[in-house]
């Protein structure tokens, strides 16, 4: 496998991990109180990071 392709795949999976952790945190905040994080800011960061991490790499 080409080394640049391998590097982009690693970055993509790291982005997936970060987006999924933010998504889990969002769902956790719905059911339980987590006073240090604001739901609105989490959702905003999740959507922007998901778009930047996945959609722009496909292009």
PDB file of N, CA and C in Angstrom:
ATOM      1  N   UNK A   1       0.837  -1.168   0.000  1.00  0.00           N
ATOM      2  CA  UNK A   1       0.000   0.000   0.000  1.00  0.00           C
ATOM      3  C   UNK A   1       0.892   1.244   0.000  1.00  0.00           C
ATOM      4  N   UNK A   2       0.514   2.217  -0.752  1.00  0.00           N
ATOM      5  CA  UNK A   2       1.253   3.466  -0.841  1.00  0.00           C
ATOM      6  C   UNK A   2       1.296   4.147   0.532  1.00  0.00           C
ATOM      7  N   UNK A   3       2.442   4.700   0.894  1.00  0.00           N
ATOM      8  CA  UNK A   3       2.591   5.289   2.230  1.00  0.00           C
ATOM      9  C   UNK A   3       1.700   6.506   2.430  1.00  0.00           C
ATOM     10  N   UNK A   4       1.461   7.301   1.387  1.00  0.00           N
ATOM     11  CA  UNK A   4       0.586   8.462   1.551  1.00  0.00           C
ATOM     12  C   UNK A   4      -0.869   8.025   1.736  1.00  0.00           C
ATOM     13  N   UNK A   5      -1.285   6.987   1.029  1.00  0.00           N
ATOM     14  CA  UNK A   5      -2.631   6.454   1.210  1.00  0.00           C
ATOM     15  C   UNK A   5      -2.798   5.893   2.615  1.00  0.00           C
ATOM     16  N   UNK A   6      -1.795   5.190   3.073  1.00  0.00           N
ATOM     17  CA  UNK A   6      -1.831   4.629   4.427  1.00  0.00           C
ATOM     18  C   UNK A   6      -1.951   5.730   5.471  1.00  0.00           C
ATOM     19  N   UNK A   7      -1.229   6.826   5.273  1.00  0.00           N
ATOM     20  CA  UNK A   7      -1.275   7.951   6.213  1.00  0.00           C
ATOM     21  C   UNK A   7      -2.665   8.590   6.234  1.00  0.00           C
ATOM     22  N   UNK A   8      -3.273   8.768   5.048  1.00  0.00           N
ATOM     23  CA  UNK A   8      -4.611   9.352   4.988  1.00  0.00           C
ATOM     24  C   UNK A   8      -5.650   8.442   5.638  1.00  0.00           C
ATOM     25  N   UNK A   9      -5.474   7.144   5.498  1.00  0.00           N
ATOM     26  CA  UNK A   9      -6.386   6.208   6.166  1.00  0.00           C
ATOM     27  C   UNK A   9      -6.254   6.298   7.680  1.00  0.00           C
ATOM     28  N   UNK A  10      -5.036   6.437   8.165  1.00  0.00           N
ATOM     29  CA  UNK A  10      -4.826   6.600   9.603  1.00  0.00           C
ATOM     30  C   UNK A  10      -5.472   7.877  10.116  1.00  0.00           C
ATOM     31  N   UNK A  11      -5.322   8.957   9.373  1.00  0.00           N
ATOM     32  CA  UNK A  11      -5.943  10.221   9.762  1.00  0.00           C
ATOM     33  C   UNK A  11      -7.462  10.096   9.746  1.00  0.00           C
ATOM     34  N   UNK A  12      -8.006   9.409   8.748  1.00  0.00           N
ATOM     35  CA  UNK A  12      -9.453   9.216   8.661  1.00  0.00           C
ATOM     36  C   UNK A  12      -9.984   8.426   9.849  1.00  0.00           C
ATOM     37  N   UNK A  13      -9.284   7.386  10.234  1.00  0.00           N
ATOM     38  CA  UNK A  13      -9.733   6.601  11.383  1.00  0.00           C
ATOM     39  C   UNK A  13      -9.582   7.364  12.693  1.00  0.00           C
ATOM     40  N   UNK A  14      -8.580   8.210  12.800  1.00  0.00           N
ATOM     41  CA  UNK A  14      -8.451   9.064  13.981  1.00  0.00           C
ATOM     42  C   UNK A  14      -9.613  10.047  14.041  1.00  0.00           C
ATOM     43  N   UNK A  15      -9.971  10.632  12.900  1.00  0.00           N
ATOM     44  CA  UNK A  15     -11.123  11.535  12.845  1.00  0.00           C
ATOM     45  C   UNK A  15     -12.406  10.805  13.217  1.00  0.00           C
ATOM     46  N   UNK A  16     -12.571   9.585  12.743  1.00  0.00           N
ATOM     47  CA  UNK A  16     -13.743   8.786  13.089  1.00  0.00           C
ATOM     48  C   UNK A  16     -13.801   8.537  14.597  1.00  0.00           C
ATOM     49  N   UNK A  17     -12.674   8.253  15.203  1.00  0.00           N
ATOM     50  CA  UNK A  17     -12.624   8.018  16.641  1.00  0.00           C
ATOM     51  C   UNK A  17     -13.039   9.267  17.406  1.00  0.00           C
ATOM     52  N   UNK A  18     -12.533  10.419  17.006  1.00  0.00           N
ATOM     53  CA  UNK A  18     -12.865  11.668  17.696  1.00  0.00           C
ATOM     54  C   UNK A  18     -14.348  12.001  17.531  1.00  0.00           C
ATOM     55  N   UNK A  19     -14.862  11.856  16.322  1.00  0.00           N
ATOM     56  CA  UNK A  19     -16.281  12.142  16.080  1.00  0.00           C
ATOM     57  C   UNK A  19     -17.165  11.179  16.859  1.00  0.00           C
ATOM     58  N   UNK A  20     -16.789   9.916  16.912  1.00  0.00           N
ATOM     59  CA  UNK A  20     -17.606   8.948  17.646  1.00  0.00           C
ATOM     60  C   UNK A  20     -17.557   9.210  19.150  1.00  0.00           C
ATOM     61  N   UNK A  21     -16.420   9.634  19.681  1.00  0.00           N
ATOM     62  CA  UNK A  21     -16.350   9.982  21.104  1.00  0.00           C
ATOM     63  C   UNK A  21     -17.212  11.206  21.417  1.00  0.00           C
ATOM     64  N   UNK A  22     -17.204  12.176  20.531  1.00  0.00           N
ATOM     65  CA  UNK A  22     -18.086  13.332  20.718  1.00  0.00           C
ATOM     66  C   UNK A  22     -19.553  12.910  20.648  1.00  0.00           C
ATOM     67  N   UNK A  23     -19.882  12.008  19.742  1.00  0.00           N
ATOM     68  CA  UNK A  23     -21.258  11.516  19.624  1.00  0.00           C
ATOM     69  C   UNK A  23     -21.706  10.759  20.864  1.00  0.00           C
ATOM     70  N   UNK A  24     -20.827   9.943  21.412  1.00  0.00           N
ATOM     71  CA  UNK A  24     -21.157   9.217  22.641  1.00  0.00           C
ATOM     72  C   UNK A  24     -21.358  10.190  23.793  1.00  0.00           C
ATOM     73  N   UNK A  25     -20.518  11.206  23.871  1.00  0.00           N
ATOM     74  CA  UNK A  25     -20.652  12.219  24.914  1.00  0.00           C
ATOM     75  C   UNK A  25     -21.962  12.978  24.772  1.00  0.00           C
ATOM     76  N   UNK A  26     -22.360  13.276  23.537  1.00  0.00           N
ATOM     77  CA  UNK A  26     -23.645  13.939  23.313  1.00  0.00           C
ATOM     78  C   UNK A  26     -24.807  13.085  23.823  1.00  0.00           C
ATOM     79  N   UNK A  27     -24.768  11.807  23.541  1.00  0.00           N
ATOM     80  CA  UNK A  27     -25.842  10.926  23.997  1.00  0.00           C
ATOM     81  C   UNK A  27     -25.814  10.739  25.508  1.00  0.00           C
ATOM     82  N   UNK A  28     -24.637  10.748  26.091  1.00  0.00           N
ATOM     83  CA  UNK A  28     -24.506  10.645  27.544  1.00  0.00           C
ATOM     84  C   UNK A  28     -25.129  11.867  28.216  1.00  0.00           C
ATOM     85  N   UNK A  29     -24.912  13.050  27.622  1.00  0.00           N
ATOM     86  CA  UNK A  29     -25.447  14.283  28.199  1.00  0.00           C
ATOM     87  C   UNK A  29     -26.961  14.332  28.163  1.00  0.00           C
ATOM     88  N   UNK A  30     -27.586  13.631  27.252  1.00  0.00           N
ATOM     89  CA  UNK A  30     -29.052  13.607  27.210  1.00  0.00           C
ATOM     90  C   UNK A  30     -29.601  12.911  28.446  1.00  0.00           C
ATOM     91  N   UNK A  31     -28.990  11.816  28.839  1.00  0.00           N
ATOM     92  CA  UNK A  31     -29.515  11.005  29.938  1.00  0.00           C
ATOM     93  C   UNK A  31     -28.995  11.421  31.311  1.00  0.00           C
ATOM     94  N   UNK A  32     -27.772  11.944  31.368  1.00  0.00           N
ATOM     95  CA  UNK A  32     -27.152  12.243  32.655  1.00  0.00           C
ATOM     96  C   UNK A  32     -26.625  13.671  32.680  1.00  0.00           C
ATOM     97  N   UNK A  33     -26.488  14.185  33.871  1.00  0.00           N
ATOM     98  CA  UNK A  33     -25.954  15.535  34.032  1.00  0.00           C
ATOM     99  C   UNK A  33     -24.431  15.504  33.938  1.00  0.00           C
ATOM    100  N   UNK A  34     -23.906  16.325  33.091  1.00  0.00           N
ATOM    101  CA  UNK A  34     -22.451  16.457  32.924  1.00  0.00           C
ATOM    102  C   UNK A  34     -22.177  17.954  32.877  1.00  0.00           C
ATOM    103  N   UNK A  35     -21.994  18.580  34.047  1.00  0.00           N
ATOM    104  CA  UNK A  35     -22.030  20.045  34.138  1.00  0.00           C
ATOM    105  C   UNK A  35     -20.879  20.773  33.453  1.00  0.00           C
ATOM    106  N   UNK A  36     -19.803  20.116  33.131  1.00  0.00           N
ATOM    107  CA  UNK A  36     -18.634  20.804  32.576  1.00  0.00           C
ATOM    108  C   UNK A  36     -18.721  21.048  31.068  1.00  0.00           C
ATOM    109  N   UNK A  37     -19.640  20.370  30.412  1.00  0.00           N
ATOM    110  CA  UNK A  37     -19.763  20.511  28.965  1.00  0.00           C
ATOM    111  C   UNK A  37     -21.151  21.024  28.599  1.00  0.00           C
ATOM    112  N   UNK A  38     -21.193  21.944  27.677  1.00  0.00           N
ATOM    113  CA  UNK A  38     -22.446  22.499  27.198  1.00  0.00           C
ATOM    114  C   UNK A  38     -22.900  21.716  25.962  1.00  0.00           C
ATOM    115  N   UNK A  39     -24.153  21.275  25.961  1.00  0.00           N
ATOM    116  CA  UNK A  39     -24.695  20.469  24.864  1.00  0.00           C
ATOM    117  C   UNK A  39     -24.583  21.202  23.526  1.00  0.00           C
ATOM    118  N   UNK A  40     -24.868  22.493  23.536  1.00  0.00           N
ATOM    119  CA  UNK A  40     -24.844  23.270  22.300  1.00  0.00           C
ATOM    120  C   UNK A  40     -23.446  23.308  21.696  1.00  0.00           C
ATOM    121  N   UNK A  41     -22.438  23.506  22.532  1.00  0.00           N
ATOM    122  CA  UNK A  41     -21.062  23.566  22.036  1.00  0.00           C
ATOM    123  C   UNK A  41     -20.573  22.194  21.567  1.00  0.00           C
ATOM    124  N   UNK A  42     -20.963  21.152  22.272  1.00  0.00           N
ATOM    125  CA  UNK A  42     -20.603  19.795  21.844  1.00  0.00           C
ATOM    126  C   UNK A  42     -21.191  19.473  20.474  1.00  0.00           C
ATOM    127  N   UNK A  43     -22.452  19.800  20.294  1.00  0.00           N
ATOM    128  CA  UNK A  43     -23.118  19.518  19.019  1.00  0.00           C
ATOM    129  C   UNK A  43     -22.475  20.311  17.886  1.00  0.00           C
ATOM    130  N   UNK A  44     -22.148  21.557  18.151  1.00  0.00           N
ATOM    131  CA  UNK A  44     -21.512  22.399  17.149  1.00  0.00           C
ATOM    132  C   UNK A  44     -20.139  21.835  16.761  1.00  0.00           C
ATOM    133  N   UNK A  45     -19.341  21.468  17.756  1.00  0.00           N
ATOM    134  CA  UNK A  45     -18.029  20.889  17.482  1.00  0.00           C
ATOM    135  C   UNK A  45     -18.117  19.556  16.765  1.00  0.00           C
ATOM    136  N   UNK A  46     -19.086  18.747  17.155  1.00  0.00           N
ATOM    137  CA  UNK A  46     -19.278  17.438  16.529  1.00  0.00           C
ATOM    138  C   UNK A  46     -19.599  17.596  15.040  1.00  0.00           C
ATOM    139  N   UNK A  47     -20.506  18.493  14.723  1.00  0.00           N
ATOM    140  CA  UNK A  47     -20.900  18.647  13.321  1.00  0.00           C
ATOM    141  C   UNK A  47     -19.765  19.216  12.474  1.00  0.00           C
ATOM    142  N   UNK A  48     -19.058  20.192  13.003  1.00  0.00           N
ATOM    143  CA  UNK A  48     -17.959  20.776  12.233  1.00  0.00           C
ATOM    144  C   UNK A  48     -16.805  19.790  12.058  1.00  0.00           C
ATOM    145  N   UNK A  49     -16.473  19.065  13.106  1.00  0.00           N
ATOM    146  CA  UNK A  49     -15.374  18.115  12.998  1.00  0.00           C
ATOM    147  C   UNK A  49     -15.734  16.960  12.088  1.00  0.00           C
ATOM    148  N   UNK A  50     -16.990  16.514  12.150  1.00  0.00           N
ATOM    149  CA  UNK A  50     -17.414  15.429  11.264  1.00  0.00           C
ATOM    150  C   UNK A  50     -17.357  15.878   9.805  1.00  0.00           C
ATOM    151  N   UNK A  51     -17.792  17.099   9.547  1.00  0.00           N
ATOM    152  CA  UNK A  51     -17.751  17.597   8.175  1.00  0.00           C
ATOM    153  C   UNK A  51     -16.301  17.759   7.697  1.00  0.00           C
ATOM    154  N   UNK A  52     -15.470  18.362   8.530  1.00  0.00           N
ATOM    155  CA  UNK A  52     -14.071  18.587   8.142  1.00  0.00           C
ATOM    156  C   UNK A  52     -13.294  17.271   8.046  1.00  0.00           C
ATOM    157  N   UNK A  53     -13.617  16.332   8.907  1.00  0.00           N
ATOM    158  CA  UNK A  53     -12.866  15.093   8.956  1.00  0.00           C
ATOM    159  C   UNK A  53     -13.262  14.061   7.928  1.00  0.00           C
ATOM    160  N   UNK A  54     -14.487  14.130   7.430  1.00  0.00           N
ATOM    161  CA  UNK A  54     -14.952  13.110   6.515  1.00  0.00           C
ATOM    162  C   UNK A  54     -15.282  13.641   5.127  1.00  0.00           C
ATOM    163  N   UNK A  55     -16.104  14.647   5.067  1.00  0.00           N
ATOM    164  CA  UNK A  55     -16.574  15.124   3.772  1.00  0.00           C
ATOM    165  C   UNK A  55     -15.433  15.756   2.968  1.00  0.00           C
ATOM    166  N   UNK A  56     -14.618  16.550   3.617  1.00  0.00           N
ATOM    167  CA  UNK A  56     -13.550  17.217   2.872  1.00  0.00           C
ATOM    168  C   UNK A  56     -12.464  16.242   2.438  1.00  0.00           C
ATOM    169  N   UNK A  57     -12.280  15.139   3.142  1.00  0.00           N
ATOM    170  CA  UNK A  57     -11.286  14.161   2.719  1.00  0.00           C
ATOM    171  C   UNK A  57     -11.763  13.336   1.537  1.00  0.00           C
ATOM    172  N   UNK A  58     -13.060  13.202   1.392  1.00  0.00           N
ATOM    173  CA  UNK A  58     -13.612  12.466   0.257  1.00  0.00           C
ATOM    174  C   UNK A  58     -13.405  13.248  -1.028  1.00  0.00           C
ATOM    175  N   UNK A  59     -13.483  14.541  -0.922  1.00  0.00           N
ATOM    176  CA  UNK A  59     -13.350  15.407  -2.089  1.00  0.00           C
ATOM    177  C   UNK A  59     -11.988  15.212  -2.678  1.00  0.00           C
TER     178      UNK A  59
END
